Amino acid sequence: MKGFTALLLETLTAAYKSGIDREILTSIRGTLSSHSTEELANLLLTRTAIHAERRVAEMEEVIGTLKDLDLDYSVSLATKGKLQQIVDLDLKSHFDMKVPDHFVQVLEALMNKSVPQ
């Protein structure tokens, strides 16, 4: 959860500097408050297993935006790296391009595959 806090800090700093912090907070609230913790884990982890490649590209855009705003992007860079590991492990093929039913399947796949360094 410390990483979540760090990412929230990075996100809200950029949003505040851009004058859109209220909109971003509303968006975050909608995502977090409409799901139980397990539902949220299921939603985020299972879809990331399939869509990690696109999310790596999105994180490149985020990093570019933070650089343009002259803000720290270290957490976003680490996020991109973690997503890239999922791409490199080819979880999308492991799950036959279908979103797994439960996030535990993603965790098991990650533990059973060798994570590149």
PDB file of N, CA and C in Angstrom:
ATOM      1  N   MET A   1       0.818  -1.199   0.000  1.00  0.00           N
ATOM      2  CA  MET A   1       0.000   0.000   0.000  1.00  0.00           C
ATOM      3  C   MET A   1       0.859   1.260   0.000  1.00  0.00           C
ATOM      4  N   LYS A   2       2.127   1.117   0.419  1.00  0.00           N
ATOM      5  CA  LYS A   2       3.011   2.290   0.390  1.00  0.00           C
ATOM      6  C   LYS A   2       3.225   2.741  -1.056  1.00  0.00           C
ATOM      7  N   GLY A   3       3.314   1.768  -1.963  1.00  0.00           N
ATOM      8  CA  GLY A   3       3.457   2.095  -3.380  1.00  0.00           C
ATOM      9  C   GLY A   3       2.226   2.803  -3.927  1.00  0.00           C
ATOM     10  N   PHE A   4       1.066   2.379  -3.451  1.00  0.00           N
ATOM     11  CA  PHE A   4      -0.175   3.045  -3.856  1.00  0.00           C
ATOM     12  C   PHE A   4      -0.152   4.508  -3.411  1.00  0.00           C
ATOM     13  N   THR A   5       0.300   4.735  -2.191  1.00  0.00           N
ATOM     14  CA  THR A   5       0.396   6.100  -1.678  1.00  0.00           C
ATOM     15  C   THR A   5       1.374   6.920  -2.514  1.00  0.00           C
ATOM     16  N   ALA A   6       2.506   6.325  -2.855  1.00  0.00           N
ATOM     17  CA  ALA A   6       3.500   7.033  -3.670  1.00  0.00           C
ATOM     18  C   ALA A   6       2.950   7.364  -5.051  1.00  0.00           C
ATOM     19  N   LEU A   7       2.230   6.417  -5.651  1.00  0.00           N
ATOM     20  CA  LEU A   7       1.629   6.674  -6.958  1.00  0.00           C
ATOM     21  C   LEU A   7       0.546   7.745  -6.862  1.00  0.00           C
ATOM     22  N   LEU A   8      -0.235   7.711  -5.793  1.00  0.00           N
ATOM     23  CA  LEU A   8      -1.262   8.736  -5.587  1.00  0.00           C
ATOM     24  C   LEU A   8      -0.611  10.116  -5.439  1.00  0.00           C
ATOM     25  N   LEU A   9       0.484  10.179  -4.713  1.00  0.00           N
ATOM     26  CA  LEU A   9       1.206  11.441  -4.556  1.00  0.00           C
ATOM     27  C   LEU A   9       1.700  11.955  -5.905  1.00  0.00           C
ATOM     28  N   GLU A  10       2.281  11.074  -6.700  1.00  0.00           N
ATOM     29  CA  GLU A  10       2.774  11.476  -8.019  1.00  0.00           C
ATOM     30  C   GLU A  10       1.620  11.925  -8.913  1.00  0.00           C
ATOM     31  N   THR A  11       0.523  11.185  -8.892  1.00  0.00           N
ATOM     32  CA  THR A  11      -0.650  11.506  -9.711  1.00  0.00           C
ATOM     33  C   THR A  11      -1.261  12.848  -9.317  1.00  0.00           C
ATOM     34  N   LEU A  12      -1.474  13.028  -8.028  1.00  0.00           N
ATOM     35  CA  LEU A  12      -2.144  14.249  -7.585  1.00  0.00           C
ATOM     36  C   LEU A  12      -1.254  15.485  -7.693  1.00  0.00           C
ATOM     37  N   THR A  13       0.056  15.303  -7.597  1.00  0.00           N
ATOM     38  CA  THR A  13       0.955  16.438  -7.813  1.00  0.00           C
ATOM     39  C   THR A  13       0.814  16.942  -9.249  1.00  0.00           C
ATOM     40  N   ALA A  14       0.823  16.015 -10.199  1.00  0.00           N
ATOM     41  CA  ALA A  14       0.659  16.395 -11.603  1.00  0.00           C
ATOM     42  C   ALA A  14      -0.729  16.985 -11.852  1.00  0.00           C
ATOM     43  N   ALA A  15      -1.749  16.387 -11.256  1.00  0.00           N
ATOM     44  CA  ALA A  15      -3.113  16.886 -11.429  1.00  0.00           C
ATOM     45  C   ALA A  15      -3.258  18.290 -10.849  1.00  0.00           C
ATOM     46  N   TYR A  16      -2.684  18.504  -9.681  1.00  0.00           N
ATOM     47  CA  TYR A  16      -2.750  19.824  -9.044  1.00  0.00           C
ATOM     48  C   TYR A  16      -2.028  20.871  -9.883  1.00  0.00           C
ATOM     49  N   LYS A  17      -0.837  20.510 -10.358  1.00  0.00           N
ATOM     50  CA  LYS A  17      -0.061  21.446 -11.181  1.00  0.00           C
ATOM     51  C   LYS A  17      -0.803  21.775 -12.474  1.00  0.00           C
ATOM     52  N   SER A  18      -1.590  20.821 -12.958  1.00  0.00           N
ATOM     53  CA  SER A  18      -2.346  21.012 -14.202  1.00  0.00           C
ATOM     54  C   SER A  18      -3.727  21.611 -13.970  1.00  0.00           C
ATOM     55  N   GLY A  19      -4.099  21.788 -12.696  1.00  0.00           N
ATOM     56  CA  GLY A  19      -5.394  22.379 -12.379  1.00  0.00           C
ATOM     57  C   GLY A  19      -6.573  21.440 -12.519  1.00  0.00           C
ATOM     58  N   ILE A  20      -6.320  20.138 -12.465  1.00  0.00           N
ATOM     59  CA  ILE A  20      -7.408  19.170 -12.632  1.00  0.00           C
ATOM     60  C   ILE A  20      -7.490  18.194 -11.454  1.00  0.00           C
ATOM     61  N   ASP A  21      -6.995  18.592 -10.303  1.00  0.00           N
ATOM     62  CA  ASP A  21      -6.965  17.688  -9.160  1.00  0.00           C
ATOM     63  C   ASP A  21      -8.360  17.251  -8.723  1.00  0.00           C
ATOM     64  N   ARG A  22      -9.331  18.134  -8.751  1.00  0.00           N
ATOM     65  CA  ARG A  22     -10.701  17.767  -8.353  1.00  0.00           C
ATOM     66  C   ARG A  22     -11.262  16.696  -9.284  1.00  0.00           C
ATOM     67  N   GLU A  23     -11.045  16.848 -10.583  1.00  0.00           N
ATOM     68  CA  GLU A  23     -11.535  15.871 -11.555  1.00  0.00           C
ATOM     69  C   GLU A  23     -10.871  14.516 -11.348  1.00  0.00           C
ATOM     70  N   ILE A  24      -9.583  14.532 -11.101  1.00  0.00           N
ATOM     71  CA  ILE A  24      -8.855  13.278 -10.896  1.00  0.00           C
ATOM     72  C   ILE A  24      -9.323  12.595  -9.607  1.00  0.00           C
ATOM     73  N   LEU A  25      -9.504  13.379  -8.543  1.00  0.00           N
ATOM     74  CA  LEU A  25     -10.012  12.800  -7.293  1.00  0.00           C
ATOM     75  C   LEU A  25     -11.392  12.179  -7.487  1.00  0.00           C
ATOM     76  N   THR A  26     -12.241  12.832  -8.253  1.00  0.00           N
ATOM     77  CA  THR A  26     -13.569  12.291  -8.537  1.00  0.00           C
ATOM     78  C   THR A  26     -13.456  10.965  -9.288  1.00  0.00           C
ATOM     79  N   SER A  27     -12.561  10.908 -10.259  1.00  0.00           N
ATOM     80  CA  SER A  27     -12.355   9.686 -11.027  1.00  0.00           C
ATOM     81  C   SER A  27     -11.837   8.556 -10.134  1.00  0.00           C
ATOM     82  N   ILE A  28     -10.873   8.866  -9.298  1.00  0.00           N
ATOM     83  CA  ILE A  28     -10.318   7.862  -8.388  1.00  0.00           C
ATOM     84  C   ILE A  28     -11.389   7.373  -7.420  1.00  0.00           C
ATOM     85  N   ARG A  29     -12.159   8.289  -6.878  1.00  0.00           N
ATOM     86  CA  ARG A  29     -13.238   7.923  -5.940  1.00  0.00           C
ATOM     87  C   ARG A  29     -14.221   6.973  -6.610  1.00  0.00           C
ATOM     88  N   GLY A  30     -14.573   7.259  -7.862  1.00  0.00           N
ATOM     89  CA  GLY A  30     -15.516   6.400  -8.574  1.00  0.00           C
ATOM     90  C   GLY A  30     -14.994   4.990  -8.739  1.00  0.00           C
ATOM     91  N   THR A  31     -13.719   4.865  -9.001  1.00  0.00           N
ATOM     92  CA  THR A  31     -13.125   3.535  -9.172  1.00  0.00           C
ATOM     93  C   THR A  31     -13.014   2.805  -7.840  1.00  0.00           C
ATOM     94  N   LEU A  32     -12.524   3.488  -6.825  1.00  0.00           N
ATOM     95  CA  LEU A  32     -12.268   2.829  -5.545  1.00  0.00           C
ATOM     96  C   LEU A  32     -13.531   2.557  -4.734  1.00  0.00           C
ATOM     97  N   SER A  33     -14.494   3.444  -4.790  1.00  0.00           N
ATOM     98  CA  SER A  33     -15.660   3.288  -3.921  1.00  0.00           C
ATOM     99  C   SER A  33     -16.738   2.380  -4.505  1.00  0.00           C
ATOM    100  N   SER A  34     -16.644   2.062  -5.775  1.00  0.00           N
ATOM    101  CA  SER A  34     -17.703   1.245  -6.383  1.00  0.00           C
ATOM    102  C   SER A  34     -17.392  -0.257  -6.331  1.00  0.00           C
ATOM    103  N   HIS A  35     -16.292  -0.625  -5.682  1.00  0.00           N
ATOM    104  CA  HIS A  35     -15.893  -2.039  -5.622  1.00  0.00           C
ATOM    105  C   HIS A  35     -15.390  -2.381  -4.223  1.00  0.00           C
ATOM    106  N   SER A  36     -15.612  -3.629  -3.824  1.00  0.00           N
ATOM    107  CA  SER A  36     -14.966  -4.115  -2.608  1.00  0.00           C
ATOM    108  C   SER A  36     -13.474  -4.272  -2.923  1.00  0.00           C
ATOM    109  N   THR A  37     -12.683  -4.466  -1.906  1.00  0.00           N
ATOM    110  CA  THR A  37     -11.245  -4.624  -2.115  1.00  0.00           C
ATOM    111  C   THR A  37     -10.950  -5.817  -3.009  1.00  0.00           C
ATOM    112  N   GLU A  38     -11.618  -6.935  -2.775  1.00  0.00           N
ATOM    113  CA  GLU A  38     -11.395  -8.122  -3.602  1.00  0.00           C
ATOM    114  C   GLU A  38     -11.868  -7.881  -5.033  1.00  0.00           C
ATOM    115  N   GLU A  39     -13.001  -7.230  -5.199  1.00  0.00           N
ATOM    116  CA  GLU A  39     -13.485  -6.917  -6.550  1.00  0.00           C
ATOM    117  C   GLU A  39     -12.493  -6.020  -7.280  1.00  0.00           C
ATOM    118  N   LEU A  40     -11.944  -5.056  -6.571  1.00  0.00           N
ATOM    119  CA  LEU A  40     -10.974  -4.154  -7.183  1.00  0.00           C
ATOM    120  C   LEU A  40      -9.710  -4.911  -7.591  1.00  0.00           C
ATOM    121  N   ALA A  41      -9.215  -5.784  -6.720  1.00  0.00           N
ATOM    122  CA  ALA A  41      -8.049  -6.611  -7.063  1.00  0.00           C
ATOM    123  C   ALA A  41      -8.358  -7.474  -8.277  1.00  0.00           C
ATOM    124  N   ASN A  42      -9.544  -8.045  -8.290  1.00  0.00           N
ATOM    125  CA  ASN A  42      -9.954  -8.875  -9.420  1.00  0.00           C
ATOM    126  C   ASN A  42     -10.001  -8.066 -10.711  1.00  0.00           C
ATOM    127  N   LEU A  43     -10.612  -6.909 -10.639  1.00  0.00           N
ATOM    128  CA  LEU A  43     -10.740  -6.039 -11.805  1.00  0.00           C
ATOM    129  C   LEU A  43      -9.373  -5.628 -12.343  1.00  0.00           C
ATOM    130  N   LEU A  44      -8.515  -5.147 -11.464  1.00  0.00           N
ATOM    131  CA  LEU A  44      -7.234  -4.589 -11.901  1.00  0.00           C
ATOM    132  C   LEU A  44      -6.235  -5.660 -12.311  1.00  0.00           C
ATOM    133  N   LEU A  45      -6.067  -6.685 -11.513  1.00  0.00           N
ATOM    134  CA  LEU A  45      -5.030  -7.676 -11.795  1.00  0.00           C
ATOM    135  C   LEU A  45      -5.367  -8.585 -12.960  1.00  0.00           C
ATOM    136  N   THR A  46      -6.627  -9.024 -13.045  1.00  0.00           N
ATOM    137  CA  THR A  46      -6.975  -9.932 -14.139  1.00  0.00           C
ATOM    138  C   THR A  46      -6.889  -9.234 -15.494  1.00  0.00           C
ATOM    139  N   ARG A  47      -7.311  -8.004 -15.559  1.00  0.00           N
ATOM    140  CA  ARG A  47      -7.262  -7.286 -16.838  1.00  0.00           C
ATOM    141  C   ARG A  47      -5.842  -6.873 -17.199  1.00  0.00           C
ATOM    142  N   THR A  48      -5.038  -6.587 -16.186  1.00  0.00           N
ATOM    143  CA  THR A  48      -3.645  -6.233 -16.454  1.00  0.00           C
ATOM    144  C   THR A  48      -2.903  -7.413 -17.065  1.00  0.00           C
ATOM    145  N   ALA A  49      -3.233  -8.623 -16.666  1.00  0.00           N
ATOM    146  CA  ALA A  49      -2.584  -9.801 -17.232  1.00  0.00           C
ATOM    147  C   ALA A  49      -2.746  -9.845 -18.752  1.00  0.00           C
ATOM    148  N   ILE A  50      -3.859  -9.353 -19.238  1.00  0.00           N
ATOM    149  CA  ILE A  50      -4.149  -9.385 -20.681  1.00  0.00           C
ATOM    150  C   ILE A  50      -3.743  -8.091 -21.378  1.00  0.00           C
ATOM    151  N   HIS A  51      -3.856  -6.965 -20.702  1.00  0.00           N
ATOM    152  CA  HIS A  51      -3.654  -5.664 -21.334  1.00  0.00           C
ATOM    153  C   HIS A  51      -2.363  -4.962 -20.914  1.00  0.00           C
ATOM    154  N   ALA A  52      -1.406  -5.698 -20.391  1.00  0.00           N
ATOM    155  CA  ALA A  52      -0.168  -5.081 -19.889  1.00  0.00           C
ATOM    156  C   ALA A  52       0.585  -4.323 -20.978  1.00  0.00           C
ATOM    157  N   GLU A  53       0.604  -4.842 -22.187  1.00  0.00           N
ATOM    158  CA  GLU A  53       1.354  -4.183 -23.262  1.00  0.00           C
ATOM    159  C   GLU A  53       0.815  -2.779 -23.543  1.00  0.00           C
ATOM    160  N   ARG A  54      -0.495  -2.662 -23.618  1.00  0.00           N
ATOM    161  CA  ARG A  54      -1.110  -1.350 -23.827  1.00  0.00           C
ATOM    162  C   ARG A  54      -0.827  -0.435 -22.637  1.00  0.00           C
ATOM    163  N   ARG A  55      -0.859  -0.993 -21.455  1.00  0.00           N
ATOM    164  CA  ARG A  55      -0.621  -0.190 -20.257  1.00  0.00           C
ATOM    165  C   ARG A  55       0.820   0.291 -20.168  1.00  0.00           C
ATOM    166  N   VAL A  56       1.758  -0.491 -20.701  1.00  0.00           N
ATOM    167  CA  VAL A  56       3.156  -0.021 -20.778  1.00  0.00           C
ATOM    168  C   VAL A  56       3.207   1.229 -21.650  1.00  0.00           C
ATOM    169  N   ALA A  57       2.539   1.186 -22.789  1.00  0.00           N
ATOM    170  CA  ALA A  57       2.510   2.349 -23.687  1.00  0.00           C
ATOM    171  C   ALA A  57       1.845   3.543 -23.003  1.00  0.00           C
ATOM    172  N   GLU A  58       0.785   3.295 -22.246  1.00  0.00           N
ATOM    173  CA  GLU A  58       0.120   4.384 -21.525  1.00  0.00           C
ATOM    174  C   GLU A  58       1.048   4.984 -20.470  1.00  0.00           C
ATOM    175  N   MET A  59       1.825   4.135 -19.810  1.00  0.00           N
ATOM    176  CA  MET A  59       2.758   4.643 -18.807  1.00  0.00           C
ATOM    177  C   MET A  59       3.869   5.468 -19.449  1.00  0.00           C
ATOM    178  N   GLU A  60       4.256   5.126 -20.674  1.00  0.00           N
ATOM    179  CA  GLU A  60       5.228   5.951 -21.396  1.00  0.00           C
ATOM    180  C   GLU A  60       4.670   7.361 -21.599  1.00  0.00           C
ATOM    181  N   GLU A  61       3.381   7.444 -21.902  1.00  0.00           N
ATOM    182  CA  GLU A  61       2.725   8.745 -22.056  1.00  0.00           C
ATOM    183  C   GLU A  61       2.692   9.504 -20.732  1.00  0.00           C
ATOM    184  N   VAL A  62       2.385   8.784 -19.658  1.00  0.00           N
ATOM    185  CA  VAL A  62       2.355   9.401 -18.325  1.00  0.00           C
ATOM    186  C   VAL A  62       3.738   9.959 -17.987  1.00  0.00           C
ATOM    187  N   ILE A  63       4.763   9.155 -18.207  1.00  0.00           N
ATOM    188  CA  ILE A  63       6.135   9.583 -17.913  1.00  0.00           C
ATOM    189  C   ILE A  63       6.488  10.821 -18.730  1.00  0.00           C
ATOM    190  N   GLY A  64       6.112  10.831 -19.990  1.00  0.00           N
ATOM    191  CA  GLY A  64       6.350  12.001 -20.837  1.00  0.00           C
ATOM    192  C   GLY A  64       5.653  13.241 -20.312  1.00  0.00           C
ATOM    193  N   THR A  65       4.420  13.067 -19.859  1.00  0.00           N
ATOM    194  CA  THR A  65       3.667  14.198 -19.306  1.00  0.00           C
ATOM    195  C   THR A  65       4.331  14.726 -18.039  1.00  0.00           C
ATOM    196  N   LEU A  66       4.735  13.828 -17.161  1.00  0.00           N
ATOM    197  CA  LEU A  66       5.393  14.249 -15.928  1.00  0.00           C
ATOM    198  C   LEU A  66       6.717  14.962 -16.214  1.00  0.00           C
ATOM    199  N   LYS A  67       7.451  14.452 -17.197  1.00  0.00           N
ATOM    200  CA  LYS A  67       8.696  15.130 -17.596  1.00  0.00           C
ATOM    201  C   LYS A  67       8.388  16.539 -18.098  1.00  0.00           C
ATOM    202  N   ASP A  68       7.345  16.657 -18.940  1.00  0.00           N
ATOM    203  CA  ASP A  68       6.960  17.970 -19.475  1.00  0.00           C
ATOM    204  C   ASP A  68       6.572  18.938 -18.365  1.00  0.00           C
ATOM    205  N   LEU A  69       5.981  18.412 -17.285  1.00  0.00           N
ATOM    206  CA  LEU A  69       5.588  19.237 -16.150  1.00  0.00           C
ATOM    207  C   LEU A  69       6.753  19.464 -15.178  1.00  0.00           C
ATOM    208  N   ASP A  70       7.912  18.886 -15.500  1.00  0.00           N
ATOM    209  CA  ASP A  70       9.107  18.985 -14.659  1.00  0.00           C
ATOM    210  C   ASP A  70       8.838  18.431 -13.255  1.00  0.00           C
ATOM    211  N   LEU A  71       8.186  17.251 -13.230  1.00  0.00           N
ATOM    212  CA  LEU A  71       7.852  16.590 -11.973  1.00  0.00           C
ATOM    213  C   LEU A  71       8.518  15.221 -11.900  1.00  0.00           C
ATOM    214  N   ASP A  72       8.661  14.729 -10.687  1.00  0.00           N
ATOM    215  CA  ASP A  72       9.209  13.393 -10.457  1.00  0.00           C
ATOM    216  C   ASP A  72       8.309  12.344 -11.105  1.00  0.00           C
ATOM    217  N   TYR A  73       8.916  11.355 -11.730  1.00  0.00           N
ATOM    218  CA  TYR A  73       8.155  10.288 -12.391  1.00  0.00           C
ATOM    219  C   TYR A  73       8.677   8.911 -11.994  1.00  0.00           C
ATOM    220  N   SER A  74       9.360   8.832 -10.870  1.00  0.00           N
ATOM    221  CA  SER A  74      10.000   7.584 -10.461  1.00  0.00           C
ATOM    222  C   SER A  74       9.001   6.454 -10.212  1.00  0.00           C
ATOM    223  N   VAL A  75       7.861   6.750  -9.634  1.00  0.00           N
ATOM    224  CA  VAL A  75       6.872   5.703  -9.379  1.00  0.00           C
ATOM    225  C   VAL A  75       6.253   5.237 -10.694  1.00  0.00           C
ATOM    226  N   SER A  76       6.004   6.154 -11.582  1.00  0.00           N
ATOM    227  CA  SER A  76       5.467   5.786 -12.898  1.00  0.00           C
ATOM    228  C   SER A  76       6.472   4.941 -13.677  1.00  0.00           C
ATOM    229  N   LEU A  77       7.739   5.269 -13.555  1.00  0.00           N
ATOM    230  CA  LEU A  77       8.784   4.483 -14.216  1.00  0.00           C
ATOM    231  C   LEU A  77       8.821   3.062 -13.656  1.00  0.00           C
ATOM    232  N   ALA A  78       8.705   2.933 -12.349  1.00  0.00           N
ATOM    233  CA  ALA A  78       8.667   1.605 -11.723  1.00  0.00           C
ATOM    234  C   ALA A  78       7.408   0.845 -12.140  1.00  0.00           C
ATOM    235  N   THR A  79       6.287   1.547 -12.253  1.00  0.00           N
ATOM    236  CA  THR A  79       5.039   0.925 -12.692  1.00  0.00           C
ATOM    237  C   THR A  79       5.191   0.380 -14.106  1.00  0.00           C
ATOM    238  N   LYS A  80       5.783   1.182 -14.971  1.00  0.00           N
ATOM    239  CA  LYS A  80       6.028   0.734 -16.345  1.00  0.00           C
ATOM    240  C   LYS A  80       6.906  -0.518 -16.337  1.00  0.00           C
ATOM    241  N   GLY A  81       7.928  -0.529 -15.482  1.00  0.00           N
ATOM    242  CA  GLY A  81       8.808  -1.691 -15.389  1.00  0.00           C
ATOM    243  C   GLY A  81       8.079  -2.941 -14.930  1.00  0.00           C
ATOM    244  N   LYS A  82       7.197  -2.796 -13.947  1.00  0.00           N
ATOM    245  CA  LYS A  82       6.433  -3.947 -13.450  1.00  0.00           C
ATOM    246  C   LYS A  82       5.487  -4.465 -14.528  1.00  0.00           C
ATOM    247  N   LEU A  83       4.838  -3.557 -15.238  1.00  0.00           N
ATOM    248  CA  LEU A  83       3.961  -3.967 -16.340  1.00  0.00           C
ATOM    249  C   LEU A  83       4.757  -4.643 -17.450  1.00  0.00           C
ATOM    250  N   GLN A  84       5.959  -4.143 -17.722  1.00  0.00           N
ATOM    251  CA  GLN A  84       6.802  -4.743 -18.752  1.00  0.00           C
ATOM    252  C   GLN A  84       7.183  -6.179 -18.382  1.00  0.00           C
ATOM    253  N   GLN A  85       7.370  -6.451 -17.092  1.00  0.00           N
ATOM    254  CA  GLN A  85       7.644  -7.828 -16.662  1.00  0.00           C
ATOM    255  C   GLN A  85       6.489  -8.749 -17.051  1.00  0.00           C
ATOM    256  N   ILE A  86       5.269  -8.258 -16.892  1.00  0.00           N
ATOM    257  CA  ILE A  86       4.097  -9.068 -17.254  1.00  0.00           C
ATOM    258  C   ILE A  86       4.072  -9.309 -18.754  1.00  0.00           C
ATOM    259  N   VAL A  87       4.423  -8.283 -19.532  1.00  0.00           N
ATOM    260  CA  VAL A  87       4.516  -8.453 -20.984  1.00  0.00           C
ATOM    261  C   VAL A  87       5.584  -9.492 -21.308  1.00  0.00           C
ATOM    262  N   ASP A  88       6.751  -9.355 -20.689  1.00  0.00           N
ATOM    263  CA  ASP A  88       7.870 -10.264 -20.970  1.00  0.00           C
ATOM    264  C   ASP A  88       7.553 -11.708 -20.588  1.00  0.00           C
ATOM    265  N   LEU A  89       6.737 -11.882 -19.564  1.00  0.00           N
ATOM    266  CA  LEU A  89       6.322 -13.227 -19.156  1.00  0.00           C
ATOM    267  C   LEU A  89       5.211 -13.782 -20.046  1.00  0.00           C
ATOM    268  N   ASP A  90       4.662 -12.937 -20.903  1.00  0.00           N
ATOM    269  CA  ASP A  90       3.623 -13.313 -21.859  1.00  0.00           C
ATOM    270  C   ASP A  90       2.397 -13.942 -21.186  1.00  0.00           C
ATOM    271  N   LEU A  91       1.933 -13.267 -20.127  1.00  0.00           N
ATOM    272  CA  LEU A  91       0.740 -13.766 -19.455  1.00  0.00           C
ATOM    273  C   LEU A  91      -0.476 -13.758 -20.358  1.00  0.00           C
ATOM    274  N   LYS A  92      -0.478 -12.863 -21.327  1.00  0.00           N
ATOM    275  CA  LYS A  92      -1.604 -12.805 -22.271  1.00  0.00           C
ATOM    276  C   LYS A  92      -1.763 -14.156 -22.979  1.00  0.00           C
ATOM    277  N   SER A  93      -0.666 -14.717 -23.440  1.00  0.00           N
ATOM    278  CA  SER A  93      -0.728 -16.028 -24.090  1.00  0.00           C
ATOM    279  C   SER A  93      -1.027 -17.133 -23.078  1.00  0.00           C
ATOM    280  N   HIS A  94      -0.452 -16.993 -21.901  1.00  0.00           N
ATOM    281  CA  HIS A  94      -0.696 -17.985 -20.846  1.00  0.00           C
ATOM    282  C   HIS A  94      -2.195 -18.132 -20.596  1.00  0.00           C
ATOM    283  N   PHE A  95      -2.911 -17.028 -20.626  1.00  0.00           N
ATOM    284  CA  PHE A  95      -4.358 -17.049 -20.393  1.00  0.00           C
ATOM    285  C   PHE A  95      -5.149 -17.101 -21.700  1.00  0.00           C
ATOM    286  N   ASP A  96      -4.470 -17.437 -22.785  1.00  0.00           N
ATOM    287  CA  ASP A  96      -5.115 -17.597 -24.095  1.00  0.00           C
ATOM    288  C   ASP A  96      -5.933 -16.363 -24.473  1.00  0.00           C
ATOM    289  N   MET A  97      -5.362 -15.172 -24.168  1.00  0.00           N
ATOM    290  CA  MET A  97      -5.943 -13.881 -24.526  1.00  0.00           C
ATOM    291  C   MET A  97      -7.294 -13.614 -23.852  1.00  0.00           C
ATOM    292  N   LYS A  98      -7.621 -14.377 -22.805  1.00  0.00           N
ATOM    293  CA  LYS A  98      -8.888 -14.210 -22.096  1.00  0.00           C
ATOM    294  C   LYS A  98      -8.608 -13.767 -20.667  1.00  0.00           C
ATOM    295  N   VAL A  99      -9.377 -12.810 -20.193  1.00  0.00           N
ATOM    296  CA  VAL A  99      -9.228 -12.326 -18.819  1.00  0.00           C
ATOM    297  C   VAL A  99      -9.512 -13.486 -17.865  1.00  0.00           C
ATOM    298  N   PRO A 100      -8.575 -13.787 -16.970  1.00  0.00           N
ATOM    299  CA  PRO A 100      -8.817 -14.872 -16.015  1.00  0.00           C
ATOM    300  C   PRO A 100      -9.997 -14.552 -15.096  1.00  0.00           C
ATOM    301  N   ASP A 101     -10.557 -15.587 -14.505  1.00  0.00           N
ATOM    302  CA  ASP A 101     -11.729 -15.419 -13.644  1.00  0.00           C
ATOM    303  C   ASP A 101     -11.394 -14.759 -12.311  1.00  0.00           C
ATOM    304  N   HIS A 102     -10.199 -15.001 -11.794  1.00  0.00           N
ATOM    305  CA  HIS A 102      -9.875 -14.510 -10.453  1.00  0.00           C
ATOM    306  C   HIS A 102      -8.408 -14.091 -10.392  1.00  0.00           C
ATOM    307  N   PHE A 103      -8.133 -13.060  -9.606  1.00  0.00           N
ATOM    308  CA  PHE A 103      -6.778 -12.535  -9.518  1.00  0.00           C
ATOM    309  C   PHE A 103      -5.773 -13.556  -8.994  1.00  0.00           C
ATOM    310  N   VAL A 104      -6.220 -14.558  -8.246  1.00  0.00           N
ATOM    311  CA  VAL A 104      -5.312 -15.579  -7.737  1.00  0.00           C
ATOM    312  C   VAL A 104      -4.656 -16.327  -8.900  1.00  0.00           C
ATOM    313  N   GLN A 105      -5.375 -16.491  -9.987  1.00  0.00           N
ATOM    314  CA  GLN A 105      -4.801 -17.141 -11.166  1.00  0.00           C
ATOM    315  C   GLN A 105      -3.610 -16.333 -11.694  1.00  0.00           C
ATOM    316  N   VAL A 106      -3.703 -15.029 -11.642  1.00  0.00           N
ATOM    317  CA  VAL A 106      -2.608 -14.162 -12.079  1.00  0.00           C
ATOM    318  C   VAL A 106      -1.426 -14.320 -11.137  1.00  0.00           C
ATOM    319  N   LEU A 107      -1.694 -14.305  -9.836  1.00  0.00           N
ATOM    320  CA  LEU A 107      -0.621 -14.466  -8.860  1.00  0.00           C
ATOM    321  C   LEU A 107       0.087 -15.798  -9.036  1.00  0.00           C
ATOM    322  N   GLU A 108      -0.677 -16.861  -9.240  1.00  0.00           N
ATOM    323  CA  GLU A 108      -0.087 -18.186  -9.445  1.00  0.00           C
ATOM    324  C   GLU A 108       0.748 -18.229 -10.719  1.00  0.00           C
ATOM    325  N   ALA A 109       0.253 -17.613 -11.787  1.00  0.00           N
ATOM    326  CA  ALA A 109       1.008 -17.577 -13.040  1.00  0.00           C
ATOM    327  C   ALA A 109       2.325 -16.827 -12.848  1.00  0.00           C
ATOM    328  N   LEU A 110       2.281 -15.725 -12.109  1.00  0.00           N
ATOM    329  CA  LEU A 110       3.498 -14.957 -11.856  1.00  0.00           C
ATOM    330  C   LEU A 110       4.495 -15.750 -11.025  1.00  0.00           C
ATOM    331  N   MET A 111       4.015 -16.486 -10.051  1.00  0.00           N
ATOM    332  CA  MET A 111       4.912 -17.273  -9.199  1.00  0.00           C
ATOM    333  C   MET A 111       5.495 -18.468  -9.940  1.00  0.00           C
ATOM    334  N   ASN A 112       4.779 -18.974 -10.936  1.00  0.00           N
ATOM    335  CA  ASN A 112       5.238 -20.148 -11.671  1.00  0.00           C
ATOM    336  C   ASN A 112       6.101 -19.818 -12.871  1.00  0.00           C
ATOM    337  N   LYS A 113       6.162 -18.548 -13.230  1.00  0.00           N
ATOM    338  CA  LYS A 113       7.000 -18.127 -14.354  1.00  0.00           C
ATOM    339  C   LYS A 113       8.217 -17.412 -13.790  1.00  0.00           C
ATOM    340  N   SER A 114       9.263 -17.441 -14.526  1.00  0.00           N
ATOM    341  CA  SER A 114      10.483 -16.773 -14.073  1.00  0.00           C
ATOM    342  C   SER A 114      10.444 -15.310 -14.487  1.00  0.00           C
ATOM    343  N   VAL A 115      10.585 -14.427 -13.519  1.00  0.00           N
ATOM    344  CA  VAL A 115      10.539 -12.982 -13.778  1.00  0.00           C
ATOM    345  C   VAL A 115      11.895 -12.533 -14.276  1.00  0.00           C
ATOM    346  N   PRO A 116      11.947 -11.911 -15.493  1.00  0.00           N
ATOM    347  CA  PRO A 116      13.226 -11.442 -16.008  1.00  0.00           C
ATOM    348  C   PRO A 116      13.779 -10.301 -15.158  1.00  0.00           C
ATOM    349  N   GLN A 117      15.074 -10.224 -15.054  1.00  0.00           N
ATOM    350  CA  GLN A 117      15.725  -9.165 -14.281  1.00  0.00           C
ATOM    351  C   GLN A 117      16.127  -8.023 -15.170  1.00  0.00           C
TER     352      GLN A 117
END
